[in-house]
Amino acid sequence: MDSDGTVIFFLELLKGGARLTRNLCALEKRPYLLIDTHKTLEPRAAAREIMEFVERHAIRVLNVSGARASRWPAGYEFVLAAMSECIHLSTKEHSLAEEGVPPQ
């Protein structure tokens, strides 16, 4: 409830807490983005999707959700890499904006 939107990482099937999070977002009419890492294989591709989602919905506070590490051990590394790339892209865009370079 404290975020402007949510990104939900999952592997093939949306279940458990990830499904509950999606359902709550829909119920509260909050924007959400589903990232199926079975289809989006690269963290950089996920980061681009997230950045487009953030821009499209003017999100300032982003909630990040996903499956428990016990159910998806590789998920932590994927999400960490994707979110790190988002921060890198955001910082880069911010720096360019300060220099007066228009976004691409």
PDB file of N, CA and C in Angstrom:
ATOM      1  N   MET A   1       0.811  -1.201   0.000  1.00  0.00           N
ATOM      2  CA  MET A   1       0.000   0.000   0.000  1.00  0.00           C
ATOM      3  C   MET A   1       0.853   1.264   0.000  1.00  0.00           C
ATOM      4  N   ASP A   2       2.102   1.162   0.447  1.00  0.00           N
ATOM      5  CA  ASP A   2       2.965   2.339   0.524  1.00  0.00           C
ATOM      6  C   ASP A   2       3.725   2.608  -0.768  1.00  0.00           C
ATOM      7  N   SER A   3       3.547   1.749  -1.766  1.00  0.00           N
ATOM      8  CA  SER A   3       4.280   1.942  -3.014  1.00  0.00           C
ATOM      9  C   SER A   3       3.339   2.444  -4.106  1.00  0.00           C
ATOM     10  N   ASP A   4       3.957   2.941  -5.176  1.00  0.00           N
ATOM     11  CA  ASP A   4       3.191   3.416  -6.322  1.00  0.00           C
ATOM     12  C   ASP A   4       2.940   2.303  -7.330  1.00  0.00           C
ATOM     13  N   GLY A   5       3.691   1.218  -7.228  1.00  0.00           N
ATOM     14  CA  GLY A   5       3.572   0.086  -8.139  1.00  0.00           C
ATOM     15  C   GLY A   5       4.446  -1.052  -7.656  1.00  0.00           C
ATOM     16  N   THR A   6       4.216  -2.224  -8.232  1.00  0.00           N
ATOM     17  CA  THR A   6       4.915  -3.436  -7.798  1.00  0.00           C
ATOM     18  C   THR A   6       5.431  -4.206  -8.994  1.00  0.00           C
ATOM     19  N   VAL A   7       6.642  -4.714  -8.873  1.00  0.00           N
ATOM     20  CA  VAL A   7       7.171  -5.670  -9.837  1.00  0.00           C
ATOM     21  C   VAL A   7       7.227  -7.016  -9.122  1.00  0.00           C
ATOM     22  N   ILE A   8       6.724  -8.051  -9.800  1.00  0.00           N
ATOM     23  CA  ILE A   8       6.659  -9.389  -9.221  1.00  0.00           C
ATOM     24  C   ILE A   8       7.478 -10.329 -10.094  1.00  0.00           C
ATOM     25  N   PHE A   9       8.537 -10.867  -9.518  1.00  0.00           N
ATOM     26  CA  PHE A   9       9.372 -11.855 -10.195  1.00  0.00           C
ATOM     27  C   PHE A   9       8.857 -13.247  -9.848  1.00  0.00           C
ATOM     28  N   PHE A  10       8.786 -14.117 -10.858  1.00  0.00           N
ATOM     29  CA  PHE A  10       8.371 -15.495 -10.597  1.00  0.00           C
ATOM     30  C   PHE A  10       8.978 -16.411 -11.653  1.00  0.00           C
ATOM     31  N   LEU A  11       8.868 -17.701 -11.405  1.00  0.00           N
ATOM     32  CA  LEU A  11       9.416 -18.700 -12.321  1.00  0.00           C
ATOM     33  C   LEU A  11       8.283 -19.602 -12.794  1.00  0.00           C
ATOM     34  N   GLU A  12       7.865 -19.427 -14.018  1.00  0.00           N
ATOM     35  CA  GLU A  12       6.844 -20.202 -14.721  1.00  0.00           C
ATOM     36  C   GLU A  12       5.428 -20.046 -14.186  1.00  0.00           C
ATOM     37  N   LEU A  13       5.188 -20.333 -12.906  1.00  0.00           N
ATOM     38  CA  LEU A  13       3.834 -20.267 -12.347  1.00  0.00           C
ATOM     39  C   LEU A  13       3.759 -19.240 -11.239  1.00  0.00           C
ATOM     40  N   LEU A  14       2.772 -18.385 -11.321  1.00  0.00           N
ATOM     41  CA  LEU A  14       2.547 -17.391 -10.279  1.00  0.00           C
ATOM     42  C   LEU A  14       1.759 -18.079  -9.167  1.00  0.00           C
ATOM     43  N   LYS A  15       2.408 -18.251  -8.001  1.00  0.00           N
ATOM     44  CA  LYS A  15       1.736 -18.961  -6.911  1.00  0.00           C
ATOM     45  C   LYS A  15       2.155 -18.389  -5.568  1.00  0.00           C
ATOM     46  N   GLY A  16       1.466 -18.808  -4.526  1.00  0.00           N
ATOM     47  CA  GLY A  16       1.802 -18.407  -3.165  1.00  0.00           C
ATOM     48  C   GLY A  16       1.702 -16.907  -2.955  1.00  0.00           C
ATOM     49  N   GLY A  17       2.713 -16.367  -2.253  1.00  0.00           N
ATOM     50  CA  GLY A  17       2.744 -14.942  -1.930  1.00  0.00           C
ATOM     51  C   GLY A  17       2.821 -14.057  -3.159  1.00  0.00           C
ATOM     52  N   ALA A  18       3.488 -14.531  -4.214  1.00  0.00           N
ATOM     53  CA  ALA A  18       3.572 -13.739  -5.446  1.00  0.00           C
ATOM     54  C   ALA A  18       2.187 -13.581  -6.063  1.00  0.00           C
ATOM     55  N   ARG A  19       1.410 -14.655  -6.071  1.00  0.00           N
ATOM     56  CA  ARG A  19       0.042 -14.578  -6.599  1.00  0.00           C
ATOM     57  C   ARG A  19      -0.829 -13.675  -5.714  1.00  0.00           C
ATOM     58  N   LEU A  20      -0.668 -13.807  -4.407  1.00  0.00           N
ATOM     59  CA  LEU A  20      -1.415 -12.961  -3.482  1.00  0.00           C
ATOM     60  C   LEU A  20      -1.080 -11.486  -3.717  1.00  0.00           C
ATOM     61  N   THR A  21       0.204 -11.185  -3.904  1.00  0.00           N
ATOM     62  CA  THR A  21       0.627  -9.806  -4.167  1.00  0.00           C
ATOM     63  C   THR A  21      -0.033  -9.279  -5.437  1.00  0.00           C
ATOM     64  N   ARG A  22      -0.025 -10.078  -6.495  1.00  0.00           N
ATOM     65  CA  ARG A  22      -0.682  -9.669  -7.748  1.00  0.00           C
ATOM     66  C   ARG A  22      -2.166  -9.418  -7.527  1.00  0.00           C
ATOM     67  N   ASN A  23      -2.818 -10.324  -6.793  1.00  0.00           N
ATOM     68  CA  ASN A  23      -4.253 -10.175  -6.540  1.00  0.00           C
ATOM     69  C   ASN A  23      -4.552  -8.907  -5.737  1.00  0.00           C
ATOM     70  N   LEU A  24      -3.712  -8.611  -4.764  1.00  0.00           N
ATOM     71  CA  LEU A  24      -3.910  -7.396  -3.966  1.00  0.00           C
ATOM     72  C   LEU A  24      -3.687  -6.139  -4.803  1.00  0.00           C
ATOM     73  N   CYS A  25      -2.690  -6.175  -5.679  1.00  0.00           N
ATOM     74  CA  CYS A  25      -2.466  -5.034  -6.578  1.00  0.00           C
ATOM     75  C   CYS A  25      -3.689  -4.806  -7.453  1.00  0.00           C
ATOM     76  N   ALA A  26      -4.238  -5.881  -8.000  1.00  0.00           N
ATOM     77  CA  ALA A  26      -5.417  -5.766  -8.858  1.00  0.00           C
ATOM     78  C   ALA A  26      -6.617  -5.255  -8.057  1.00  0.00           C
ATOM     79  N   LEU A  27      -6.796  -5.786  -6.862  1.00  0.00           N
ATOM     80  CA  LEU A  27      -7.908  -5.372  -6.008  1.00  0.00           C
ATOM     81  C   LEU A  27      -7.821  -3.890  -5.661  1.00  0.00           C
ATOM     82  N   GLU A  28      -6.617  -3.420  -5.368  1.00  0.00           N
ATOM     83  CA  GLU A  28      -6.403  -2.019  -4.989  1.00  0.00           C
ATOM     84  C   GLU A  28      -6.175  -1.111  -6.194  1.00  0.00           C
ATOM     85  N   LYS A  29      -6.248  -1.691  -7.396  1.00  0.00           N
ATOM     86  CA  LYS A  29      -6.042  -0.951  -8.650  1.00  0.00           C
ATOM     87  C   LYS A  29      -4.683  -0.243  -8.680  1.00  0.00           C
ATOM     88  N   ARG A  30      -3.673  -0.988  -8.245  1.00  0.00           N
ATOM     89  CA  ARG A  30      -2.292  -0.493  -8.278  1.00  0.00           C
ATOM     90  C   ARG A  30      -1.580  -1.137  -9.464  1.00  0.00           C
ATOM     91  N   PRO A  31      -0.753  -0.387 -10.166  1.00  0.00           N
ATOM     92  CA  PRO A  31      -0.038  -0.980 -11.295  1.00  0.00           C
ATOM     93  C   PRO A  31       0.954  -2.040 -10.822  1.00  0.00           C
ATOM     94  N   TYR A  32       1.074  -3.098 -11.622  1.00  0.00           N
ATOM     95  CA  TYR A  32       2.046  -4.147 -11.321  1.00  0.00           C
ATOM     96  C   TYR A  32       2.616  -4.684 -12.623  1.00  0.00           C
ATOM     97  N   LEU A  33       3.790  -5.238 -12.519  1.00  0.00           N
ATOM     98  CA  LEU A  33       4.493  -5.825 -13.650  1.00  0.00           C
ATOM     99  C   LEU A  33       4.900  -7.227 -13.259  1.00  0.00           C
ATOM    100  N   LEU A  34       4.543  -8.204 -14.087  1.00  0.00           N
ATOM    101  CA  LEU A  34       4.934  -9.587 -13.859  1.00  0.00           C
ATOM    102  C   LEU A  34       6.159  -9.908 -14.709  1.00  0.00           C
ATOM    103  N   ILE A  35       7.198 -10.414 -14.072  1.00  0.00           N
ATOM    104  CA  ILE A  35       8.409 -10.823 -14.790  1.00  0.00           C
ATOM    105  C   ILE A  35       8.574 -12.327 -14.602  1.00  0.00           C
ATOM    106  N   ASP A  36       8.265 -13.084 -15.645  1.00  0.00           N
ATOM    107  CA  ASP A  36       8.462 -14.533 -15.623  1.00  0.00           C
ATOM    108  C   ASP A  36       9.895 -14.793 -16.081  1.00  0.00           C
ATOM    109  N   THR A  37      10.739 -15.190 -15.156  1.00  0.00           N
ATOM    110  CA  THR A  37      12.156 -15.373 -15.487  1.00  0.00           C
ATOM    111  C   THR A  37      12.394 -16.618 -16.336  1.00  0.00           C
ATOM    112  N   HIS A  38      11.352 -17.398 -16.555  1.00  0.00           N
ATOM    113  CA  HIS A  38      11.458 -18.514 -17.494  1.00  0.00           C
ATOM    114  C   HIS A  38      11.441 -17.976 -18.925  1.00  0.00           C
ATOM    115  N   LYS A  39      10.780 -16.810 -19.107  1.00  0.00           N
ATOM    116  CA  LYS A  39      10.700 -16.174 -20.424  1.00  0.00           C
ATOM    117  C   LYS A  39      11.685 -15.017 -20.564  1.00  0.00           C
ATOM    118  N   THR A  40      11.841 -14.244 -19.512  1.00  0.00           N
ATOM    119  CA  THR A  40      12.798 -13.136 -19.497  1.00  0.00           C
ATOM    120  C   THR A  40      14.068 -13.676 -18.861  1.00  0.00           C
ATOM    121  N   LEU A  41      14.967 -14.156 -19.690  1.00  0.00           N
ATOM    122  CA  LEU A  41      16.114 -14.915 -19.197  1.00  0.00           C
ATOM    123  C   LEU A  41      17.256 -14.063 -18.670  1.00  0.00           C
ATOM    124  N   GLU A  42      17.327 -12.817 -19.101  1.00  0.00           N
ATOM    125  CA  GLU A  42      18.449 -11.966 -18.731  1.00  0.00           C
ATOM    126  C   GLU A  42      18.007 -10.861 -17.772  1.00  0.00           C
ATOM    127  N   PRO A  43      18.741 -10.650 -16.688  1.00  0.00           N
ATOM    128  CA  PRO A  43      18.415  -9.560 -15.770  1.00  0.00           C
ATOM    129  C   PRO A  43      18.362  -8.193 -16.454  1.00  0.00           C
ATOM    130  N   ARG A  44      19.211  -7.980 -17.453  1.00  0.00           N
ATOM    131  CA  ARG A  44      19.198  -6.692 -18.162  1.00  0.00           C
ATOM    132  C   ARG A  44      17.881  -6.473 -18.894  1.00  0.00           C
ATOM    133  N   ALA A  45      17.341  -7.536 -19.481  1.00  0.00           N
ATOM    134  CA  ALA A  45      16.042  -7.428 -20.158  1.00  0.00           C
ATOM    135  C   ALA A  45      14.950  -7.119 -19.141  1.00  0.00           C
ATOM    136  N   ALA A  46      15.013  -7.762 -17.987  1.00  0.00           N
ATOM    137  CA  ALA A  46      14.044  -7.484 -16.922  1.00  0.00           C
ATOM    138  C   ALA A  46      14.166  -6.032 -16.475  1.00  0.00           C
ATOM    139  N   ALA A  47      15.393  -5.546 -16.351  1.00  0.00           N
ATOM    140  CA  ALA A  47      15.614  -4.157 -15.919  1.00  0.00           C
ATOM    141  C   ALA A  47      15.009  -3.178 -16.916  1.00  0.00           C
ATOM    142  N   ARG A  48      15.142  -3.440 -18.197  1.00  0.00           N
ATOM    143  CA  ARG A  48      14.548  -2.552 -19.202  1.00  0.00           C
ATOM    144  C   ARG A  48      13.022  -2.540 -19.076  1.00  0.00           C
ATOM    145  N   GLU A  49      12.428  -3.722 -18.859  1.00  0.00           N
ATOM    146  CA  GLU A  49      10.982  -3.790 -18.666  1.00  0.00           C
ATOM    147  C   GLU A  49      10.561  -2.985 -17.436  1.00  0.00           C
ATOM    148  N   ILE A  50      11.323  -3.135 -16.364  1.00  0.00           N
ATOM    149  CA  ILE A  50      11.012  -2.423 -15.124  1.00  0.00           C
ATOM    150  C   ILE A  50      11.115  -0.924 -15.326  1.00  0.00           C
ATOM    151  N   MET A  51      12.165  -0.469 -15.979  1.00  0.00           N
ATOM    152  CA  MET A  51      12.348   0.968 -16.197  1.00  0.00           C
ATOM    153  C   MET A  51      11.216   1.541 -17.050  1.00  0.00           C
ATOM    154  N   GLU A  52      10.774   0.815 -18.063  1.00  0.00           N
ATOM    155  CA  GLU A  52       9.645   1.261 -18.878  1.00  0.00           C
ATOM    156  C   GLU A  52       8.365   1.331 -18.034  1.00  0.00           C
ATOM    157  N   PHE A  53       8.152   0.327 -17.186  1.00  0.00           N
ATOM    158  CA  PHE A  53       7.002   0.280 -16.290  1.00  0.00           C
ATOM    159  C   PHE A  53       7.022   1.468 -15.331  1.00  0.00           C
ATOM    160  N   VAL A  54       8.173   1.736 -14.741  1.00  0.00           N
ATOM    161  CA  VAL A  54       8.325   2.851 -13.796  1.00  0.00           C
ATOM    162  C   VAL A  54       8.028   4.174 -14.491  1.00  0.00           C
ATOM    163  N   GLU A  55       8.549   4.338 -15.687  1.00  0.00           N
ATOM    164  CA  GLU A  55       8.325   5.582 -16.422  1.00  0.00           C
ATOM    165  C   GLU A  55       6.855   5.721 -16.845  1.00  0.00           C
ATOM    166  N   ARG A  56       6.285   4.646 -17.360  1.00  0.00           N
ATOM    167  CA  ARG A  56       4.898   4.677 -17.841  1.00  0.00           C
ATOM    168  C   ARG A  56       3.916   5.047 -16.738  1.00  0.00           C
ATOM    169  N   HIS A  57       4.186   4.585 -15.515  1.00  0.00           N
ATOM    170  CA  HIS A  57       3.257   4.816 -14.402  1.00  0.00           C
ATOM    171  C   HIS A  57       3.754   5.877 -13.419  1.00  0.00           C
ATOM    172  N   ALA A  58       4.827   6.578 -13.783  1.00  0.00           N
ATOM    173  CA  ALA A  58       5.396   7.636 -12.924  1.00  0.00           C
ATOM    174  C   ALA A  58       5.612   7.142 -11.494  1.00  0.00           C
ATOM    175  N   ILE A  59       6.228   5.984 -11.381  1.00  0.00           N
ATOM    176  CA  ILE A  59       6.433   5.364 -10.072  1.00  0.00           C
ATOM    177  C   ILE A  59       7.652   5.971  -9.398  1.00  0.00           C
ATOM    178  N   ARG A  60       7.447   6.386  -8.149  1.00  0.00           N
ATOM    179  CA  ARG A  60       8.536   6.931  -7.337  1.00  0.00           C
ATOM    180  C   ARG A  60       8.959   5.934  -6.263  1.00  0.00           C
ATOM    181  N   VAL A  61       8.006   5.127  -5.764  1.00  0.00           N
ATOM    182  CA  VAL A  61       8.300   4.088  -4.777  1.00  0.00           C
ATOM    183  C   VAL A  61       7.863   2.760  -5.379  1.00  0.00           C
ATOM    184  N   LEU A  62       8.824   1.861  -5.587  1.00  0.00           N
ATOM    185  CA  LEU A  62       8.568   0.578  -6.237  1.00  0.00           C
ATOM    186  C   LEU A  62       8.676  -0.554  -5.222  1.00  0.00           C
ATOM    187  N   ASN A  63       7.648  -1.375  -5.164  1.00  0.00           N
ATOM    188  CA  ASN A  63       7.667  -2.588  -4.357  1.00  0.00           C
ATOM    189  C   ASN A  63       8.188  -3.725  -5.229  1.00  0.00           C
ATOM    190  N   VAL A  64       9.096  -4.533  -4.696  1.00  0.00           N
ATOM    191  CA  VAL A  64       9.657  -5.664  -5.432  1.00  0.00           C
ATOM    192  C   VAL A  64       9.277  -6.932  -4.685  1.00  0.00           C
ATOM    193  N   SER A  65       8.671  -7.863  -5.408  1.00  0.00           N
ATOM    194  CA  SER A  65       8.171  -9.091  -4.804  1.00  0.00           C
ATOM    195  C   SER A  65       8.632 -10.286  -5.619  1.00  0.00           C
ATOM    196  N   GLY A  66       8.652 -11.440  -4.965  1.00  0.00           N
ATOM    197  CA  GLY A  66       9.018 -12.659  -5.663  1.00  0.00           C
ATOM    198  C   GLY A  66       8.862 -13.869  -4.772  1.00  0.00           C
ATOM    199  N   ALA A  67       9.186 -14.997  -5.325  1.00  0.00           N
ATOM    200  CA  ALA A  67       9.074 -16.259  -4.596  1.00  0.00           C
ATOM    201  C   ALA A  67      10.121 -16.334  -3.487  1.00  0.00           C
ATOM    202  N   ARG A  68       9.830 -17.124  -2.486  1.00  0.00           N
ATOM    203  CA  ARG A  68      10.778 -17.342  -1.387  1.00  0.00           C
ATOM    204  C   ARG A  68      12.049 -17.997  -1.911  1.00  0.00           C
ATOM    205  N   ALA A  69      13.152 -17.672  -1.292  1.00  0.00           N
ATOM    206  CA  ALA A  69      14.440 -18.252  -1.687  1.00  0.00           C
ATOM    207  C   ALA A  69      14.429 -19.768  -1.535  1.00  0.00           C
ATOM    208  N   SER A  70      13.689 -20.284  -0.563  1.00  0.00           N
ATOM    209  CA  SER A  70      13.632 -21.734  -0.364  1.00  0.00           C
ATOM    210  C   SER A  70      12.946 -22.436  -1.532  1.00  0.00           C
ATOM    211  N   ARG A  71      12.075 -21.727  -2.232  1.00  0.00           N
ATOM    212  CA  ARG A  71      11.381 -22.309  -3.389  1.00  0.00           C
ATOM    213  C   ARG A  71      12.084 -22.005  -4.707  1.00  0.00           C
ATOM    214  N   TRP A  72      12.917 -20.970  -4.697  1.00  0.00           N
ATOM    215  CA  TRP A  72      13.573 -20.532  -5.935  1.00  0.00           C
ATOM    216  C   TRP A  72      14.938 -19.965  -5.594  1.00  0.00           C
ATOM    217  N   PRO A  73      15.911 -20.851  -5.309  1.00  0.00           N
ATOM    218  CA  PRO A  73      17.232 -20.390  -4.860  1.00  0.00           C
ATOM    219  C   PRO A  73      17.928 -19.428  -5.828  1.00  0.00           C
ATOM    220  N   ALA A  74      17.781 -19.622  -7.115  1.00  0.00           N
ATOM    221  CA  ALA A  74      18.454 -18.755  -8.096  1.00  0.00           C
ATOM    222  C   ALA A  74      17.756 -17.401  -8.237  1.00  0.00           C
ATOM    223  N   GLY A  75      16.570 -17.286  -7.699  1.00  0.00           N
ATOM    224  CA  GLY A  75      15.792 -16.060  -7.842  1.00  0.00           C
ATOM    225  C   GLY A  75      16.456 -14.846  -7.230  1.00  0.00           C
ATOM    226  N   TYR A  76      17.075 -15.038  -6.066  1.00  0.00           N
ATOM    227  CA  TYR A  76      17.722 -13.905  -5.386  1.00  0.00           C
ATOM    228  C   TYR A  76      18.764 -13.265  -6.279  1.00  0.00           C
ATOM    229  N   GLU A  77      19.631 -14.054  -6.879  1.00  0.00           N
ATOM    230  CA  GLU A  77      20.692 -13.517  -7.744  1.00  0.00           C
ATOM    231  C   GLU A  77      20.106 -12.817  -8.962  1.00  0.00           C
ATOM    232  N   PHE A  78      19.052 -13.394  -9.539  1.00  0.00           N
ATOM    233  CA  PHE A  78      18.419 -12.783 -10.709  1.00  0.00           C
ATOM    234  C   PHE A  78      17.820 -11.428 -10.340  1.00  0.00           C
ATOM    235  N   VAL A  79      17.058 -11.394  -9.252  1.00  0.00           N
ATOM    236  CA  VAL A  79      16.405 -10.146  -8.836  1.00  0.00           C
ATOM    237  C   VAL A  79      17.446  -9.103  -8.448  1.00  0.00           C
ATOM    238  N   LEU A  80      18.473  -9.514  -7.729  1.00  0.00           N
ATOM    239  CA  LEU A  80      19.548  -8.591  -7.349  1.00  0.00           C
ATOM    240  C   LEU A  80      20.208  -7.991  -8.589  1.00  0.00           C
ATOM    241  N   ALA A  81      20.496  -8.825  -9.575  1.00  0.00           N
ATOM    242  CA  ALA A  81      21.130  -8.336 -10.807  1.00  0.00           C
ATOM    243  C   ALA A  81      20.192  -7.387 -11.564  1.00  0.00           C
ATOM    244  N   ALA A  82      18.916  -7.742 -11.648  1.00  0.00           N
ATOM    245  CA  ALA A  82      17.959  -6.892 -12.369  1.00  0.00           C
ATOM    246  C   ALA A  82      17.789  -5.547 -11.679  1.00  0.00           C
ATOM    247  N   MET A  83      17.647  -5.563 -10.364  1.00  0.00           N
ATOM    248  CA  MET A  83      17.444  -4.307  -9.646  1.00  0.00           C
ATOM    249  C   MET A  83      18.721  -3.461  -9.633  1.00  0.00           C
ATOM    250  N   SER A  84      19.869  -4.103  -9.571  1.00  0.00           N
ATOM    251  CA  SER A  84      21.139  -3.365  -9.668  1.00  0.00           C
ATOM    252  C   SER A  84      21.239  -2.661 -11.014  1.00  0.00           C
ATOM    253  N   GLU A  85      20.827  -3.348 -12.063  1.00  0.00           N
ATOM    254  CA  GLU A  85      20.833  -2.745 -13.399  1.00  0.00           C
ATOM    255  C   GLU A  85      19.853  -1.579 -13.469  1.00  0.00           C
ATOM    256  N   CYS A  86      18.705  -1.695 -12.824  1.00  0.00           N
ATOM    257  CA  CYS A  86      17.741  -0.581 -12.772  1.00  0.00           C
ATOM    258  C   CYS A  86      18.364   0.639 -12.106  1.00  0.00           C
ATOM    259  N   ILE A  87      19.056   0.408 -11.006  1.00  0.00           N
ATOM    260  CA  ILE A  87      19.699   1.514 -10.300  1.00  0.00           C
ATOM    261  C   ILE A  87      20.774   2.142 -11.185  1.00  0.00           C
ATOM    262  N   HIS A  88      21.539   1.309 -11.866  1.00  0.00           N
ATOM    263  CA  HIS A  88      22.575   1.815 -12.768  1.00  0.00           C
ATOM    264  C   HIS A  88      21.950   2.666 -13.881  1.00  0.00           C
ATOM    265  N   LEU A  89      20.883   2.144 -14.499  1.00  0.00           N
ATOM    266  CA  LEU A  89      20.223   2.888 -15.576  1.00  0.00           C
ATOM    267  C   LEU A  89      19.627   4.189 -15.069  1.00  0.00           C
ATOM    268  N   SER A  90      19.022   4.138 -13.894  1.00  0.00           N
ATOM    269  CA  SER A  90      18.410   5.329 -13.313  1.00  0.00           C
ATOM    270  C   SER A  90      19.458   6.391 -12.999  1.00  0.00           C
ATOM    271  N   THR A  91      20.566   5.964 -12.435  1.00  0.00           N
ATOM    272  CA  THR A  91      21.652   6.885 -12.105  1.00  0.00           C
ATOM    273  C   THR A  91      22.229   7.503 -13.366  1.00  0.00           C
ATOM    274  N   LYS A  92      22.393   6.684 -14.394  1.00  0.00           N
ATOM    275  CA  LYS A  92      22.931   7.160 -15.673  1.00  0.00           C
ATOM    276  C   LYS A  92      21.994   8.197 -16.286  1.00  0.00           C
ATOM    277  N   GLU A  93      20.678   7.907 -16.295  1.00  0.00           N
ATOM    278  CA  GLU A  93      19.708   8.852 -16.852  1.00  0.00           C
ATOM    279  C   GLU A  93      19.690  10.150 -16.054  1.00  0.00           C
ATOM    280  N   HIS A  94      19.790  10.029 -14.729  1.00  0.00           N
ATOM    281  CA  HIS A  94      19.794  11.213 -13.868  1.00  0.00           C
ATOM    282  C   HIS A  94      21.022  12.084 -14.160  1.00  0.00           C
ATOM    283  N   SER A  95      22.168  11.446 -14.316  1.00  0.00           N
ATOM    284  CA  SER A  95      23.403  12.185 -14.601  1.00  0.00           C
ATOM    285  C   SER A  95      23.317  12.896 -15.945  1.00  0.00           C
ATOM    286  N   LEU A  96      22.774  12.205 -16.943  1.00  0.00           N
ATOM    287  CA  LEU A  96      22.640  12.822 -18.265  1.00  0.00           C
ATOM    288  C   LEU A  96      21.664  13.997 -18.220  1.00  0.00           C
ATOM    289  N   ALA A  97      20.578  13.851 -17.446  1.00  0.00           N
ATOM    290  CA  ALA A  97      19.603  14.933 -17.335  1.00  0.00           C
ATOM    291  C   ALA A  97      20.237  16.165 -16.697  1.00  0.00           C
ATOM    292  N   GLU A  98      21.100  15.948 -15.710  1.00  0.00           N
ATOM    293  CA  GLU A  98      21.782  17.080 -15.074  1.00  0.00           C
ATOM    294  C   GLU A  98      22.706  17.789 -16.055  1.00  0.00           C
ATOM    295  N   GLU A  99      23.229  17.032 -17.027  1.00  0.00           N
ATOM    296  CA  GLU A  99      24.126  17.620 -18.033  1.00  0.00           C
ATOM    297  C   GLU A  99      23.333  18.245 -19.179  1.00  0.00           C
ATOM    298  N   GLY A 100      22.009  18.104 -19.156  1.00  0.00           N
ATOM    299  CA  GLY A 100      21.164  18.674 -20.202  1.00  0.00           C
ATOM    300  C   GLY A 100      21.007  17.795 -21.411  1.00  0.00           C
ATOM    301  N   VAL A 101      21.378  16.516 -21.304  1.00  0.00           N
ATOM    302  CA  VAL A 101      21.232  15.595 -22.412  1.00  0.00           C
ATOM    303  C   VAL A 101      19.834  15.011 -22.344  1.00  0.00           C
ATOM    304  N   PRO A 102      19.042  15.137 -23.427  1.00  0.00           N
ATOM    305  CA  PRO A 102      17.670  14.603 -23.392  1.00  0.00           C
ATOM    306  C   PRO A 102      17.684  13.068 -23.340  1.00  0.00           C
ATOM    307  N   PRO A 103      16.668  12.456 -22.665  1.00  0.00           N
ATOM    308  CA  PRO A 103      16.584  10.993 -22.599  1.00  0.00           C
ATOM    309  C   PRO A 103      16.336  10.421 -23.975  1.00  0.00           C
ATOM    310  N   GLN A 104      16.789   9.195 -24.187  1.00  0.00           N
ATOM    311  CA  GLN A 104      16.609   8.548 -25.496  1.00  0.00           C
ATOM    312  C   GLN A 104      15.421   7.651 -25.479  1.00  0.00           C
TER     313      GLN A 104
END
